[in-house]
Amino acid sequence: FQRQCSVVFFVDNAQDIAEKVLVDLLKLQNLRAGKEHLLQIVLVG
């Protein structure tokens, strides 16, 4: 983020991911600098 770069996770077949794993991934996605998310996640399914 400080280097003005962004990290993106594209997660395919996400309908089959275990609930606990989804929760942990979404908690990571909620890390922010101000209003901007540090991790972008695209769930695909």
ModelCIF file with pLDDT and N, C-alpha, C, O atoms, coordinates in Angstrom:
data_MODEL
#
_entry.id   MODEL 
#
_entity.id                         1 
_entity.type                       polymer 
_entity.pdbx_number_of_molecules   1 
#
_entity_poly.entity_id                      1 
_entity_poly.type                           'polypeptide(L)' 
_entity_poly.nstd_linkage                   no 
_entity_poly.nstd_monomer                   no 
_entity_poly.pdbx_seq_one_letter_code       FQRQCSVVFFVDNAQDIAEKVLVDLLKLQNLRAGKEHLLQIVLVG 
_entity_poly.pdbx_seq_one_letter_code_can   FQRQCSVVFFVDNAQDIAEKVLVDLLKLQNLRAGKEHLLQIVLVG 
_entity_poly.pdbx_strand_id                 A 
#
loop_
_entity_poly_seq.entity_id 
_entity_poly_seq.num 
_entity_poly_seq.mon_id 
_entity_poly_seq.hetero 
1 1  PHE n 
1 2  GLN n 
1 3  ARG n 
1 4  GLN n 
1 5  CYS n 
1 6  SER n 
1 7  VAL n 
1 8  VAL n 
1 9  PHE n 
1 10 PHE n 
1 11 VAL n 
1 12 ASP n 
1 13 ASN n 
1 14 ALA n 
1 15 GLN n 
1 16 ASP n 
1 17 ILE n 
1 18 ALA n 
1 19 GLU n 
1 20 LYS n 
1 21 VAL n 
1 22 LEU n 
1 23 VAL n 
1 24 ASP n 
1 25 LEU n 
1 26 LEU n 
1 27 LYS n 
1 28 LEU n 
1 29 GLN n 
1 30 ASN n 
1 31 LEU n 
1 32 ARG n 
1 33 ALA n 
1 34 GLY n 
1 35 LYS n 
1 36 GLU n 
1 37 HIS n 
1 38 LEU n 
1 39 LEU n 
1 40 GLN n 
1 41 ILE n 
1 42 VAL n 
1 43 LEU n 
1 44 VAL n 
1 45 GLY n 
#
_struct_asym.id          A 
_struct_asym.entity_id   1 
#
loop_
_ma_qa_metric.id 
_ma_qa_metric.mode 
_ma_qa_metric.name 
_ma_qa_metric.software_group_id 
_ma_qa_metric.type 
1 global pLDDT . pLDDT 
2 local  pLDDT . pLDDT 
#
_ma_qa_metric_global.metric_id      1 
_ma_qa_metric_global.metric_value   94.11 
_ma_qa_metric_global.model_id       1 
_ma_qa_metric_global.ordinal_id     1 
#
loop_
_ma_qa_metric_local.label_asym_id 
_ma_qa_metric_local.label_comp_id 
_ma_qa_metric_local.label_seq_id 
_ma_qa_metric_local.metric_id 
_ma_qa_metric_local.metric_value 
_ma_qa_metric_local.model_id 
_ma_qa_metric_local.ordinal_id 
A PHE 1  2 94.00 1 1  
A GLN 2  2 94.00 1 2  
A ARG 3  2 94.00 1 3  
A GLN 4  2 93.00 1 4  
A CYS 5  2 94.00 1 5  
A SER 6  2 93.00 1 6  
A VAL 7  2 95.00 1 7  
A VAL 8  2 96.00 1 8  
A PHE 9  2 96.00 1 9  
A PHE 10 2 96.00 1 10 
A VAL 11 2 96.00 1 11 
A ASP 12 2 95.00 1 12 
A ASN 13 2 95.00 1 13 
A ALA 14 2 96.00 1 14 
A GLN 15 2 96.00 1 15 
A ASP 16 2 96.00 1 16 
A ILE 17 2 96.00 1 17 
A ALA 18 2 95.00 1 18 
A GLU 19 2 95.00 1 19 
A LYS 20 2 95.00 1 20 
A VAL 21 2 96.00 1 21 
A LEU 22 2 95.00 1 22 
A VAL 23 2 95.00 1 23 
A ASP 24 2 95.00 1 24 
A LEU 25 2 94.00 1 25 
A LEU 26 2 93.00 1 26 
A LYS 27 2 93.00 1 27 
A LEU 28 2 91.00 1 28 
A GLN 29 2 90.00 1 29 
A ASN 30 2 89.00 1 30 
A LEU 31 2 91.00 1 31 
A ARG 32 2 93.00 1 32 
A ALA 33 2 91.00 1 33 
A GLY 34 2 89.00 1 34 
A LYS 35 2 88.00 1 35 
A GLU 36 2 93.00 1 36 
A HIS 37 2 94.00 1 37 
A LEU 38 2 95.00 1 38 
A LEU 39 2 95.00 1 39 
A GLN 40 2 96.00 1 40 
A ILE 41 2 96.00 1 41 
A VAL 42 2 96.00 1 42 
A LEU 43 2 96.00 1 43 
A VAL 44 2 96.00 1 44 
A GLY 45 2 95.00 1 45 
#
loop_
_atom_site.group_PDB 
_atom_site.id 
_atom_site.type_symbol 
_atom_site.label_atom_id 
_atom_site.label_alt_id 
_atom_site.label_comp_id 
_atom_site.label_asym_id 
_atom_site.label_entity_id 
_atom_site.label_seq_id 
_atom_site.pdbx_PDB_ins_code 
_atom_site.Cartn_x 
_atom_site.Cartn_y 
_atom_site.Cartn_z 
_atom_site.occupancy 
_atom_site.B_iso_or_equiv 
_atom_site.pdbx_formal_charge 
_atom_site.auth_seq_id 
_atom_site.auth_comp_id 
_atom_site.auth_asym_id 
_atom_site.auth_atom_id 
_atom_site.pdbx_PDB_model_num 
ATOM 1   N N  . PHE A 1 1  ? 0.833   -1.201  0.000  1.00 94.00 ? 1  PHE A N  1 
ATOM 2   C CA . PHE A 1 1  ? 0.000   0.000   0.000  1.00 94.00 ? 1  PHE A CA 1 
ATOM 3   C C  . PHE A 1 1  ? 0.870   1.254   0.000  1.00 94.00 ? 1  PHE A C  1 
ATOM 4   O O  . PHE A 1 1  ? 0.591   2.212   -0.722 1.00 94.00 ? 1  PHE A O  1 
ATOM 5   N N  . GLN A 1 2  ? 1.911   1.241   0.804  1.00 94.00 ? 2  GLN A N  1 
ATOM 6   C CA . GLN A 1 2  ? 2.813   2.391   0.849  1.00 94.00 ? 2  GLN A CA 1 
ATOM 7   C C  . GLN A 1 2  ? 3.510   2.605   -0.491 1.00 94.00 ? 2  GLN A C  1 
ATOM 8   O O  . GLN A 1 2  ? 3.848   3.735   -0.842 1.00 94.00 ? 2  GLN A O  1 
ATOM 9   N N  . ARG A 1 3  ? 3.727   1.527   -1.241 1.00 94.00 ? 3  ARG A N  1 
ATOM 10  C CA . ARG A 1 3  ? 4.356   1.630   -2.565 1.00 94.00 ? 3  ARG A CA 1 
ATOM 11  C C  . ARG A 1 3  ? 3.328   1.912   -3.654 1.00 94.00 ? 3  ARG A C  1 
ATOM 12  O O  . ARG A 1 3  ? 3.661   1.924   -4.839 1.00 94.00 ? 3  ARG A O  1 
ATOM 13  N N  . GLN A 1 4  ? 2.071   2.140   -3.251 1.00 93.00 ? 4  GLN A N  1 
ATOM 14  C CA . GLN A 1 4  ? 0.970   2.389   -4.178 1.00 93.00 ? 4  GLN A CA 1 
ATOM 15  C C  . GLN A 1 4  ? 0.723   1.192   -5.097 1.00 93.00 ? 4  GLN A C  1 
ATOM 16  O O  . GLN A 1 4  ? 0.340   1.340   -6.257 1.00 93.00 ? 4  GLN A O  1 
ATOM 17  N N  . CYS A 1 5  ? 0.953   0.007   -4.540 1.00 94.00 ? 5  CYS A N  1 
ATOM 18  C CA . CYS A 1 5  ? 0.620   -1.235  -5.229 1.00 94.00 ? 5  CYS A CA 1 
ATOM 19  C C  . CYS A 1 5  ? -0.548  -1.891  -4.508 1.00 94.00 ? 5  CYS A C  1 
ATOM 20  O O  . CYS A 1 5  ? -0.820  -1.588  -3.347 1.00 94.00 ? 5  CYS A O  1 
ATOM 21  N N  . SER A 1 6  ? -1.225  -2.778  -5.190 1.00 93.00 ? 6  SER A N  1 
ATOM 22  C CA . SER A 1 6  ? -2.393  -3.431  -4.614 1.00 93.00 ? 6  SER A CA 1 
ATOM 23  C C  . SER A 1 6  ? -2.308  -4.935  -4.811 1.00 93.00 ? 6  SER A C  1 
ATOM 24  O O  . SER A 1 6  ? -1.848  -5.401  -5.853 1.00 93.00 ? 6  SER A O  1 
ATOM 25  N N  . VAL A 1 7  ? -2.745  -5.694  -3.819 1.00 95.00 ? 7  VAL A N  1 
ATOM 26  C CA . VAL A 1 7  ? -2.753  -7.155  -3.870 1.00 95.00 ? 7  VAL A CA 1 
ATOM 27  C C  . VAL A 1 7  ? -4.185  -7.626  -4.099 1.00 95.00 ? 7  VAL A C  1 
ATOM 28  O O  . VAL A 1 7  ? -5.111  -7.185  -3.419 1.00 95.00 ? 7  VAL A O  1 
ATOM 29  N N  . VAL A 1 8  ? -4.354  -8.529  -5.066 1.00 96.00 ? 8  VAL A N  1 
ATOM 30  C CA . VAL A 1 8  ? -5.683  -9.024  -5.421 1.00 96.00 ? 8  VAL A CA 1 
ATOM 31  C C  . VAL A 1 8  ? -5.693  -10.544 -5.367 1.00 96.00 ? 8  VAL A C  1 
ATOM 32  O O  . VAL A 1 8  ? -4.857  -11.197 -5.991 1.00 96.00 ? 8  VAL A O  1 
ATOM 33  N N  . PHE A 1 9  ? -6.639  -11.110 -4.621 1.00 96.00 ? 9  PHE A N  1 
ATOM 34  C CA . PHE A 1 9  ? -6.892  -12.548 -4.629 1.00 96.00 ? 9  PHE A CA 1 
ATOM 35  C C  . PHE A 1 9  ? -8.120  -12.807 -5.501 1.00 96.00 ? 9  PHE A C  1 
ATOM 36  O O  . PHE A 1 9  ? -9.197  -12.275 -5.230 1.00 96.00 ? 9  PHE A O  1 
ATOM 37  N N  . PHE A 1 10 ? -7.965  -13.614 -6.536 1.00 96.00 ? 10 PHE A N  1 
ATOM 38  C CA . PHE A 1 10 ? -9.105  -14.114 -7.304 1.00 96.00 ? 10 PHE A CA 1 
ATOM 39  C C  . PHE A 1 10 ? -9.349  -15.545 -6.828 1.00 96.00 ? 10 PHE A C  1 
ATOM 40  O O  . PHE A 1 10 ? -8.486  -16.406 -6.997 1.00 96.00 ? 10 PHE A O  1 
ATOM 41  N N  . VAL A 1 11 ? -10.501 -15.806 -6.243 1.00 96.00 ? 11 VAL A N  1 
ATOM 42  C CA . VAL A 1 11 ? -10.783 -17.108 -5.624 1.00 96.00 ? 11 VAL A CA 1 
ATOM 43  C C  . VAL A 1 11 ? -11.908 -17.790 -6.398 1.00 96.00 ? 11 VAL A C  1 
ATOM 44  O O  . VAL A 1 11 ? -13.076 -17.426 -6.260 1.00 96.00 ? 11 VAL A O  1 
ATOM 45  N N  . ASP A 1 12 ? -11.551 -18.775 -7.208 1.00 95.00 ? 12 ASP A N  1 
ATOM 46  C CA . ASP A 1 12 ? -12.527 -19.474 -8.049 1.00 95.00 ? 12 ASP A CA 1 
ATOM 47  C C  . ASP A 1 12 ? -13.193 -20.601 -7.259 1.00 95.00 ? 12 ASP A C  1 
ATOM 48  O O  . ASP A 1 12 ? -12.662 -21.072 -6.253 1.00 95.00 ? 12 ASP A O  1 
ATOM 49  N N  . ASN A 1 13 ? -14.364 -21.019 -7.735 1.00 95.00 ? 13 ASN A N  1 
ATOM 50  C CA . ASN A 1 13 ? -15.131 -22.105 -7.091 1.00 95.00 ? 13 ASN A CA 1 
ATOM 51  C C  . ASN A 1 13 ? -15.417 -21.801 -5.624 1.00 95.00 ? 13 ASN A C  1 
ATOM 52  O O  . ASN A 1 13 ? -15.423 -22.701 -4.784 1.00 95.00 ? 13 ASN A O  1 
ATOM 53  N N  . ALA A 1 14 ? -15.652 -20.536 -5.329 1.00 96.00 ? 14 ALA A N  1 
ATOM 54  C CA . ALA A 1 14 ? -15.754 -20.100 -3.931 1.00 96.00 ? 14 ALA A CA 1 
ATOM 55  C C  . ALA A 1 14 ? -16.992 -20.634 -3.224 1.00 96.00 ? 14 ALA A C  1 
ATOM 56  O O  . ALA A 1 14 ? -17.051 -20.608 -1.994 1.00 96.00 ? 14 ALA A O  1 
ATOM 57  N N  . GLN A 1 15 ? -17.979 -21.115 -3.968 1.00 96.00 ? 15 GLN A N  1 
ATOM 58  C CA . GLN A 1 15 ? -19.182 -21.658 -3.314 1.00 96.00 ? 15 GLN A CA 1 
ATOM 59  C C  . GLN A 1 15 ? -18.852 -22.901 -2.499 1.00 96.00 ? 15 GLN A C  1 
ATOM 60  O O  . GLN A 1 15 ? -19.627 -23.286 -1.624 1.00 96.00 ? 15 GLN A O  1 
ATOM 61  N N  . ASP A 1 16 ? -17.714 -23.536 -2.773 1.00 96.00 ? 16 ASP A N  1 
ATOM 62  C CA . ASP A 1 16 ? -17.363 -24.780 -2.084 1.00 96.00 ? 16 ASP A CA 1 
ATOM 63  C C  . ASP A 1 16 ? -16.331 -24.586 -0.963 1.00 96.00 ? 16 ASP A C  1 
ATOM 64  O O  . ASP A 1 16 ? -15.894 -25.564 -0.355 1.00 96.00 ? 16 ASP A O  1 
ATOM 65  N N  . ILE A 1 17 ? -15.947 -23.359 -0.690 1.00 96.00 ? 17 ILE A N  1 
ATOM 66  C CA . ILE A 1 17 ? -14.966 -23.107 0.365  1.00 96.00 ? 17 ILE A CA 1 
ATOM 67  C C  . ILE A 1 17 ? -15.626 -23.254 1.736  1.00 96.00 ? 17 ILE A C  1 
ATOM 68  O O  . ILE A 1 17 ? -16.760 -22.817 1.931  1.00 96.00 ? 17 ILE A O  1 
ATOM 69  N N  . ALA A 1 18 ? -14.924 -23.863 2.675  1.00 95.00 ? 18 ALA A N  1 
ATOM 70  C CA . ALA A 1 18 ? -15.441 -24.038 4.032  1.00 95.00 ? 18 ALA A CA 1 
ATOM 71  C C  . ALA A 1 18 ? -15.747 -22.684 4.660  1.00 95.00 ? 18 ALA A C  1 
ATOM 72  O O  . ALA A 1 18 ? -15.058 -21.696 4.405  1.00 95.00 ? 18 ALA A O  1 
ATOM 73  N N  . GLU A 1 19 ? -16.785 -22.654 5.482  1.00 95.00 ? 19 GLU A N  1 
ATOM 74  C CA . GLU A 1 19 ? -17.223 -21.383 6.089  1.00 95.00 ? 19 GLU A CA 1 
ATOM 75  C C  . GLU A 1 19 ? -16.113 -20.711 6.878  1.00 95.00 ? 19 GLU A C  1 
ATOM 76  O O  . GLU A 1 19 ? -15.906 -19.504 6.755  1.00 95.00 ? 19 GLU A O  1 
ATOM 77  N N  . LYS A 1 20 ? -15.399 -21.480 7.687  1.00 95.00 ? 20 LYS A N  1 
ATOM 78  C CA . LYS A 1 20 ? -14.338 -20.881 8.511  1.00 95.00 ? 20 LYS A CA 1 
ATOM 79  C C  . LYS A 1 20 ? -13.248 -20.259 7.646  1.00 95.00 ? 20 LYS A C  1 
ATOM 80  O O  . LYS A 1 20 ? -12.705 -19.209 7.989  1.00 95.00 ? 20 LYS A O  1 
ATOM 81  N N  . VAL A 1 21 ? -12.927 -20.904 6.523  1.00 96.00 ? 21 VAL A N  1 
ATOM 82  C CA . VAL A 1 21 ? -11.909 -20.367 5.622  1.00 96.00 ? 21 VAL A CA 1 
ATOM 83  C C  . VAL A 1 21 ? -12.395 -19.063 5.003  1.00 96.00 ? 21 VAL A C  1 
ATOM 84  O O  . VAL A 1 21 ? -11.637 -18.097 4.908  1.00 96.00 ? 21 VAL A O  1 
ATOM 85  N N  . LEU A 1 22 ? -13.657 -19.032 4.582  1.00 95.00 ? 22 LEU A N  1 
ATOM 86  C CA . LEU A 1 22 ? -14.223 -17.801 4.032  1.00 95.00 ? 22 LEU A CA 1 
ATOM 87  C C  . LEU A 1 22 ? -14.200 -16.674 5.061  1.00 95.00 ? 22 LEU A C  1 
ATOM 88  O O  . LEU A 1 22 ? -13.870 -15.533 4.739  1.00 95.00 ? 22 LEU A O  1 
ATOM 89  N N  . VAL A 1 23 ? -14.553 -17.004 6.294  1.00 95.00 ? 23 VAL A N  1 
ATOM 90  C CA . VAL A 1 23 ? -14.536 -15.990 7.361  1.00 95.00 ? 23 VAL A CA 1 
ATOM 91  C C  . VAL A 1 23 ? -13.131 -15.412 7.521  1.00 95.00 ? 23 VAL A C  1 
ATOM 92  O O  . VAL A 1 23 ? -12.962 -14.195 7.596  1.00 95.00 ? 23 VAL A O  1 
ATOM 93  N N  . ASP A 1 24 ? -12.128 -16.283 7.571  1.00 95.00 ? 24 ASP A N  1 
ATOM 94  C CA . ASP A 1 24 ? -10.756 -15.810 7.762  1.00 95.00 ? 24 ASP A CA 1 
ATOM 95  C C  . ASP A 1 24 ? -10.281 -14.970 6.572  1.00 95.00 ? 24 ASP A C  1 
ATOM 96  O O  . ASP A 1 24 ? -9.592  -13.967 6.756  1.00 95.00 ? 24 ASP A O  1 
ATOM 97  N N  . LEU A 1 25 ? -10.648 -15.380 5.353  1.00 94.00 ? 25 LEU A N  1 
ATOM 98  C CA . LEU A 1 25 ? -10.285 -14.600 4.169  1.00 94.00 ? 25 LEU A CA 1 
ATOM 99  C C  . LEU A 1 25 ? -10.951 -13.223 4.199  1.00 94.00 ? 25 LEU A C  1 
ATOM 100 O O  . LEU A 1 25 ? -10.322 -12.213 3.883  1.00 94.00 ? 25 LEU A O  1 
ATOM 101 N N  . LEU A 1 26 ? -12.221 -13.192 4.581  1.00 93.00 ? 26 LEU A N  1 
ATOM 102 C CA . LEU A 1 26 ? -12.953 -11.922 4.598  1.00 93.00 ? 26 LEU A CA 1 
ATOM 103 C C  . LEU A 1 26 ? -12.440 -11.002 5.703  1.00 93.00 ? 26 LEU A C  1 
ATOM 104 O O  . LEU A 1 26 ? -12.476 -9.780  5.559  1.00 93.00 ? 26 LEU A O  1 
ATOM 105 N N  . LYS A 1 27 ? -11.969 -11.577 6.793  1.00 93.00 ? 27 LYS A N  1 
ATOM 106 C CA . LYS A 1 27 ? -11.357 -10.744 7.833  1.00 93.00 ? 27 LYS A CA 1 
ATOM 107 C C  . LYS A 1 27 ? -10.080 -10.089 7.314  1.00 93.00 ? 27 LYS A C  1 
ATOM 108 O O  . LYS A 1 27 ? -9.816  -8.923  7.610  1.00 93.00 ? 27 LYS A O  1 
ATOM 109 N N  . LEU A 1 28 ? -9.293  -10.828 6.546  1.00 91.00 ? 28 LEU A N  1 
ATOM 110 C CA . LEU A 1 28 ? -8.107  -10.237 5.927  1.00 91.00 ? 28 LEU A CA 1 
ATOM 111 C C  . LEU A 1 28 ? -8.503  -9.110  4.980  1.00 91.00 ? 28 LEU A C  1 
ATOM 112 O O  . LEU A 1 28 ? -7.863  -8.059  4.939  1.00 91.00 ? 28 LEU A O  1 
ATOM 113 N N  . GLN A 1 29 ? -9.559  -9.344  4.226  1.00 90.00 ? 29 GLN A N  1 
ATOM 114 C CA . GLN A 1 29 ? -10.025 -8.356  3.259  1.00 90.00 ? 29 GLN A CA 1 
ATOM 115 C C  . GLN A 1 29 ? -10.479 -7.072  3.945  1.00 90.00 ? 29 GLN A C  1 
ATOM 116 O O  . GLN A 1 29 ? -10.484 -6.009  3.326  1.00 90.00 ? 29 GLN A O  1 
ATOM 117 N N  . ASN A 1 30 ? -10.856 -7.162  5.207  1.00 89.00 ? 30 ASN A N  1 
ATOM 118 C CA . ASN A 1 30 ? -11.335 -5.980  5.935  1.00 89.00 ? 30 ASN A CA 1 
ATOM 119 C C  . ASN A 1 30 ? -10.207 -5.136  6.524  1.00 89.00 ? 30 ASN A C  1 
ATOM 120 O O  . ASN A 1 30 ? -10.475 -4.116  7.159  1.00 89.00 ? 30 ASN A O  1 
ATOM 121 N N  . LEU A 1 31 ? -8.954  -5.541  6.326  1.00 91.00 ? 31 LEU A N  1 
ATOM 122 C CA . LEU A 1 31 ? -7.835  -4.694  6.747  1.00 91.00 ? 31 LEU A CA 1 
ATOM 123 C C  . LEU A 1 31 ? -7.828  -3.433  5.889  1.00 91.00 ? 31 LEU A C  1 
ATOM 124 O O  . LEU A 1 31 ? -7.938  -3.512  4.665  1.00 91.00 ? 31 LEU A O  1 
ATOM 125 N N  . ARG A 1 32 ? -7.699  -2.265  6.531  1.00 93.00 ? 32 ARG A N  1 
ATOM 126 C CA . ARG A 1 32 ? -7.827  -1.007  5.788  1.00 93.00 ? 32 ARG A CA 1 
ATOM 127 C C  . ARG A 1 32 ? -6.758  -0.010  6.172  1.00 93.00 ? 32 ARG A C  1 
ATOM 128 O O  . ARG A 1 32 ? -6.158  -0.075  7.245  1.00 93.00 ? 32 ARG A O  1 
ATOM 129 N N  . ALA A 1 33 ? -6.540  0.923   5.244  1.00 91.00 ? 33 ALA A N  1 
ATOM 130 C CA . ALA A 1 33 ? -5.781  2.140   5.512  1.00 91.00 ? 33 ALA A CA 1 
ATOM 131 C C  . ALA A 1 33 ? -6.757  3.275   5.232  1.00 91.00 ? 33 ALA A C  1 
ATOM 132 O O  . ALA A 1 33 ? -6.993  3.629   4.077  1.00 91.00 ? 33 ALA A O  1 
ATOM 133 N N  . GLY A 1 34 ? -7.320  3.840   6.289  1.00 89.00 ? 34 GLY A N  1 
ATOM 134 C CA . GLY A 1 34 ? -8.430  4.771   6.105  1.00 89.00 ? 34 GLY A CA 1 
ATOM 135 C C  . GLY A 1 34 ? -9.637  4.012   5.589  1.00 89.00 ? 34 GLY A C  1 
ATOM 136 O O  . GLY A 1 34 ? -10.088 3.051   6.213  1.00 89.00 ? 34 GLY A O  1 
ATOM 137 N N  . LYS A 1 35 ? -10.163 4.446   4.445  1.00 88.00 ? 35 LYS A N  1 
ATOM 138 C CA . LYS A 1 35 ? -11.317 3.771   3.856  1.00 88.00 ? 35 LYS A CA 1 
ATOM 139 C C  . LYS A 1 35 ? -10.919 2.761   2.786  1.00 88.00 ? 35 LYS A C  1 
ATOM 140 O O  . LYS A 1 35 ? -11.777 2.076   2.231  1.00 88.00 ? 35 LYS A O  1 
ATOM 141 N N  . GLU A 1 36 ? -9.638  2.665   2.496  1.00 93.00 ? 36 GLU A N  1 
ATOM 142 C CA . GLU A 1 36 ? -9.180  1.793   1.419  1.00 93.00 ? 36 GLU A CA 1 
ATOM 143 C C  . GLU A 1 36 ? -8.751  0.436   1.951  1.00 93.00 ? 36 GLU A C  1 
ATOM 144 O O  . GLU A 1 36 ? -8.037  0.352   2.951  1.00 93.00 ? 36 GLU A O  1 
ATOM 145 N N  . HIS A 1 37 ? -9.182  -0.613  1.292  1.00 94.00 ? 37 HIS A N  1 
ATOM 146 C CA . HIS A 1 37 ? -8.831  -1.973  1.686  1.00 94.00 ? 37 HIS A CA 1 
ATOM 147 C C  . HIS A 1 37 ? -7.420  -2.311  1.208  1.00 94.00 ? 37 HIS A C  1 
ATOM 148 O O  . HIS A 1 37 ? -7.037  -1.988  0.083  1.00 94.00 ? 37 HIS A O  1 
ATOM 149 N N  . LEU A 1 38 ? -6.658  -2.964  2.079  1.00 95.00 ? 38 LEU A N  1 
ATOM 150 C CA . LEU A 1 38 ? -5.298  -3.359  1.713  1.00 95.00 ? 38 LEU A CA 1 
ATOM 151 C C  . LEU A 1 38 ? -5.280  -4.576  0.800  1.00 95.00 ? 38 LEU A C  1 
ATOM 152 O O  . LEU A 1 38 ? -4.357  -4.742  0.002  1.00 95.00 ? 38 LEU A O  1 
ATOM 153 N N  . LEU A 1 39 ? -6.296  -5.429  0.913  1.00 95.00 ? 39 LEU A N  1 
ATOM 154 C CA . LEU A 1 39 ? -6.399  -6.636  0.087  1.00 95.00 ? 39 LEU A CA 1 
ATOM 155 C C  . LEU A 1 39 ? -7.728  -6.613  -0.648 1.00 95.00 ? 39 LEU A C  1 
ATOM 156 O O  . LEU A 1 39 ? -8.784  -6.420  -0.046 1.00 95.00 ? 39 LEU A O  1 
ATOM 157 N N  . GLN A 1 40 ? -7.660  -6.813  -1.962 1.00 96.00 ? 40 GLN A N  1 
ATOM 158 C CA . GLN A 1 40 ? -8.873  -6.942  -2.762 1.00 96.00 ? 40 GLN A CA 1 
ATOM 159 C C  . GLN A 1 40 ? -9.128  -8.432  -3.006 1.00 96.00 ? 40 GLN A C  1 
ATOM 160 O O  . GLN A 1 40 ? -8.213  -9.172  -3.367 1.00 96.00 ? 40 GLN A O  1 
ATOM 161 N N  . ILE A 1 41 ? -10.363 -8.861  -2.808 1.00 96.00 ? 41 ILE A N  1 
ATOM 162 C CA . ILE A 1 41 ? -10.719 -10.263 -3.049 1.00 96.00 ? 41 ILE A CA 1 
ATOM 163 C C  . ILE A 1 41 ? -11.895 -10.319 -4.019 1.00 96.00 ? 41 ILE A C  1 
ATOM 164 O O  . ILE A 1 41 ? -12.921 -9.671  -3.813 1.00 96.00 ? 41 ILE A O  1 
ATOM 165 N N  . VAL A 1 42 ? -11.726 -11.107 -5.081 1.00 96.00 ? 42 VAL A N  1 
ATOM 166 C CA . VAL A 1 42 ? -12.826 -11.368 -6.007 1.00 96.00 ? 42 VAL A CA 1 
ATOM 167 C C  . VAL A 1 42 ? -13.224 -12.830 -5.821 1.00 96.00 ? 42 VAL A C  1 
ATOM 168 O O  . VAL A 1 42 ? -12.481 -13.736 -6.199 1.00 96.00 ? 42 VAL A O  1 
ATOM 169 N N  . LEU A 1 43 ? -14.399 -13.053 -5.239 1.00 96.00 ? 43 LEU A N  1 
ATOM 170 C CA . LEU A 1 43 ? -14.927 -14.402 -5.065 1.00 96.00 ? 43 LEU A CA 1 
ATOM 171 C C  . LEU A 1 43 ? -15.727 -14.768 -6.305 1.00 96.00 ? 43 LEU A C  1 
ATOM 172 O O  . LEU A 1 43 ? -16.588 -14.009 -6.749 1.00 96.00 ? 43 LEU A O  1 
ATOM 173 N N  . VAL A 1 44 ? -15.432 -15.941 -6.859 1.00 96.00 ? 44 VAL A N  1 
ATOM 174 C CA . VAL A 1 44 ? -16.041 -16.366 -8.116 1.00 96.00 ? 44 VAL A CA 1 
ATOM 175 C C  . VAL A 1 44 ? -16.683 -17.721 -7.909 1.00 96.00 ? 44 VAL A C  1 
ATOM 176 O O  . VAL A 1 44 ? -16.058 -18.624 -7.352 1.00 96.00 ? 44 VAL A O  1 
ATOM 177 N N  . GLY A 1 45 ? -17.927 -17.878 -8.349 1.00 95.00 ? 45 GLY A N  1 
ATOM 178 C CA . GLY A 1 45 ? -18.550 -19.174 -8.137 1.00 95.00 ? 45 GLY A CA 1 
ATOM 179 C C  . GLY A 1 45 ? -19.908 -19.304 -8.785 1.00 95.00 ? 45 GLY A C  1 
ATOM 180 O O  . GLY A 1 45 ? -20.544 -20.353 -8.681 1.00 95.00 ? 45 GLY A O  1 
#
